[in-house]
Amino acid sequence: MWEKMLYCYSDEPIWNVRPDDPFLYRNIIAMKCYIITRWLLTVLVMTLCIWHVIHQELMVSRPPVPGHKLHV
């Protein structure tokens, strides 16, 4: 067990793993999937936040349209 943990945290790159150790191989695949999923979610949330801010700025800077339901 400890050997697997030490091997996992060694200085070797992740892609140099031996596929003959299925436990470690599954863990590394799961770790890669987790990192990719977190990265994609972060990019999605940041894109939505930026879009929201830009959209709000455009709505504030746009003059009111006469006859529109939001026009007072």
C-alpha atoms as a PDB file:
ATOM      1  CA  MET A   1       0.000   0.000   0.000  1.00  0.00           C
ATOM      2  CA  TRP A   2       2.708   2.490   0.990  1.00  0.00           C
ATOM      3  CA  GLU A   3       4.749   1.611  -2.081  1.00  0.00           C
ATOM      4  CA  LYS A   4       1.804   2.534  -4.282  1.00  0.00           C
ATOM      5  CA  MET A   5       1.371   5.867  -2.526  1.00  0.00           C
ATOM      6  CA  LEU A   6       5.077   6.637  -2.746  1.00  0.00           C
ATOM      7  CA  TYR A   7       5.104   5.673  -6.409  1.00  0.00           C
ATOM      8  CA  CYS A   8       2.093   7.893  -7.009  1.00  0.00           C
ATOM      9  CA  TYR A   9       3.843  10.929  -5.506  1.00  0.00           C
ATOM     10  CA  SER A  10       7.237  10.326  -7.073  1.00  0.00           C
ATOM     11  CA  ASP A  11       8.840  12.782  -9.483  1.00  0.00           C
ATOM     12  CA  GLU A  12       7.991  10.590 -12.452  1.00  0.00           C
ATOM     13  CA  PRO A  13       5.481  12.036 -14.906  1.00  0.00           C
ATOM     14  CA  ILE A  14       1.964  10.628 -14.660  1.00  0.00           C
ATOM     15  CA  TRP A  15       2.047   9.196 -18.179  1.00  0.00           C
ATOM     16  CA  ASN A  16       5.081   6.989 -17.349  1.00  0.00           C
ATOM     17  CA  VAL A  17       2.934   4.732 -15.160  1.00  0.00           C
ATOM     18  CA  ARG A  18       3.125   0.964 -15.578  1.00  0.00           C
ATOM     19  CA  PRO A  19      -0.193  -0.401 -16.861  1.00  0.00           C
ATOM     20  CA  ASP A  20       0.514  -3.740 -15.114  1.00  0.00           C
ATOM     21  CA  ASP A  21      -0.650  -2.211 -11.814  1.00  0.00           C
ATOM     22  CA  PRO A  22      -4.422  -1.841 -12.311  1.00  0.00           C
ATOM     23  CA  PHE A  23      -5.051  -0.145  -8.937  1.00  0.00           C
ATOM     24  CA  LEU A  24      -2.594   2.656  -9.608  1.00  0.00           C
ATOM     25  CA  TYR A  25      -3.607   2.899 -13.261  1.00  0.00           C
ATOM     26  CA  ARG A  26      -7.291   3.387 -12.336  1.00  0.00           C
ATOM     27  CA  ASN A  27      -6.368   6.022  -9.779  1.00  0.00           C
ATOM     28  CA  ILE A  28      -4.339   7.979 -12.306  1.00  0.00           C
ATOM     29  CA  ILE A  29      -7.117   7.800 -14.912  1.00  0.00           C
ATOM     30  CA  ALA A  30      -9.595   9.007 -12.267  1.00  0.00           C
ATOM     31  CA  MET A  31      -7.226  11.816 -11.272  1.00  0.00           C
ATOM     32  CA  LYS A  32      -6.842  12.935 -14.903  1.00  0.00           C
ATOM     33  CA  CYS A  33     -10.635  12.890 -15.382  1.00  0.00           C
ATOM     34  CA  TYR A  34     -11.085  14.886 -12.172  1.00  0.00           C
ATOM     35  CA  ILE A  35      -8.528  17.513 -13.221  1.00  0.00           C
ATOM     36  CA  ILE A  36     -10.049  17.858 -16.704  1.00  0.00           C
ATOM     37  CA  THR A  37     -13.589  18.082 -15.287  1.00  0.00           C
ATOM     38  CA  ARG A  38     -12.579  20.742 -12.757  1.00  0.00           C
ATOM     39  CA  TRP A  39     -10.798  22.728 -15.466  1.00  0.00           C
ATOM     40  CA  LEU A  40     -13.840  22.573 -17.768  1.00  0.00           C
ATOM     41  CA  LEU A  41     -16.204  23.624 -14.968  1.00  0.00           C
ATOM     42  CA  THR A  42     -13.910  26.516 -14.031  1.00  0.00           C
ATOM     43  CA  VAL A  43     -13.777  27.726 -17.638  1.00  0.00           C
ATOM     44  CA  LEU A  44     -17.567  27.423 -17.940  1.00  0.00           C
ATOM     45  CA  VAL A  45     -18.233  29.388 -14.737  1.00  0.00           C
ATOM     46  CA  MET A  46     -15.724  32.101 -15.665  1.00  0.00           C
ATOM     47  CA  THR A  47     -17.236  32.413 -19.156  1.00  0.00           C
ATOM     48  CA  LEU A  48     -20.733  32.754 -17.701  1.00  0.00           C
ATOM     49  CA  CYS A  49     -19.568  35.368 -15.184  1.00  0.00           C
ATOM     50  CA  ILE A  50     -17.781  37.413 -17.849  1.00  0.00           C
ATOM     51  CA  TRP A  51     -20.778  37.153 -20.190  1.00  0.00           C
ATOM     52  CA  HIS A  52     -23.101  38.259 -17.378  1.00  0.00           C
ATOM     53  CA  VAL A  53     -20.968  41.304 -16.534  1.00  0.00           C
ATOM     54  CA  ILE A  54     -20.662  42.327 -20.202  1.00  0.00           C
ATOM     55  CA  HIS A  55     -24.384  41.819 -20.738  1.00  0.00           C
ATOM     56  CA  GLN A  56     -25.216  43.933 -17.672  1.00  0.00           C
ATOM     57  CA  GLU A  57     -22.888  46.708 -18.878  1.00  0.00           C
ATOM     58  CA  LEU A  58     -24.523  46.662 -22.312  1.00  0.00           C
ATOM     59  CA  MET A  59     -27.994  46.792 -20.775  1.00  0.00           C
ATOM     60  CA  VAL A  60     -27.054  49.727 -18.518  1.00  0.00           C
ATOM     61  CA  SER A  61     -25.339  51.735 -21.261  1.00  0.00           C
ATOM     62  CA  ARG A  62     -28.137  51.208 -23.805  1.00  0.00           C
ATOM     63  CA  PRO A  63     -30.691  54.049 -23.958  1.00  0.00           C
ATOM     64  CA  PRO A  64     -34.276  53.063 -23.110  1.00  0.00           C
ATOM     65  CA  VAL A  65     -36.492  52.097 -26.026  1.00  0.00           C
ATOM     66  CA  PRO A  66     -39.743  54.084 -26.163  1.00  0.00           C
ATOM     67  CA  GLY A  67     -42.787  51.846 -25.862  1.00  0.00           C
ATOM     68  CA  HIS A  68     -40.806  48.961 -24.389  1.00  0.00           C
ATOM     69  CA  LYS A  69     -42.334  47.276 -21.356  1.00  0.00           C
ATOM     70  CA  LEU A  70     -39.316  48.187 -19.178  1.00  0.00           C
ATOM     71  CA  HIS A  71     -39.387  51.848 -20.272  1.00  0.00           C
ATOM     72  CA  VAL A  72     -40.893  54.058 -17.550  1.00  0.00           C
END
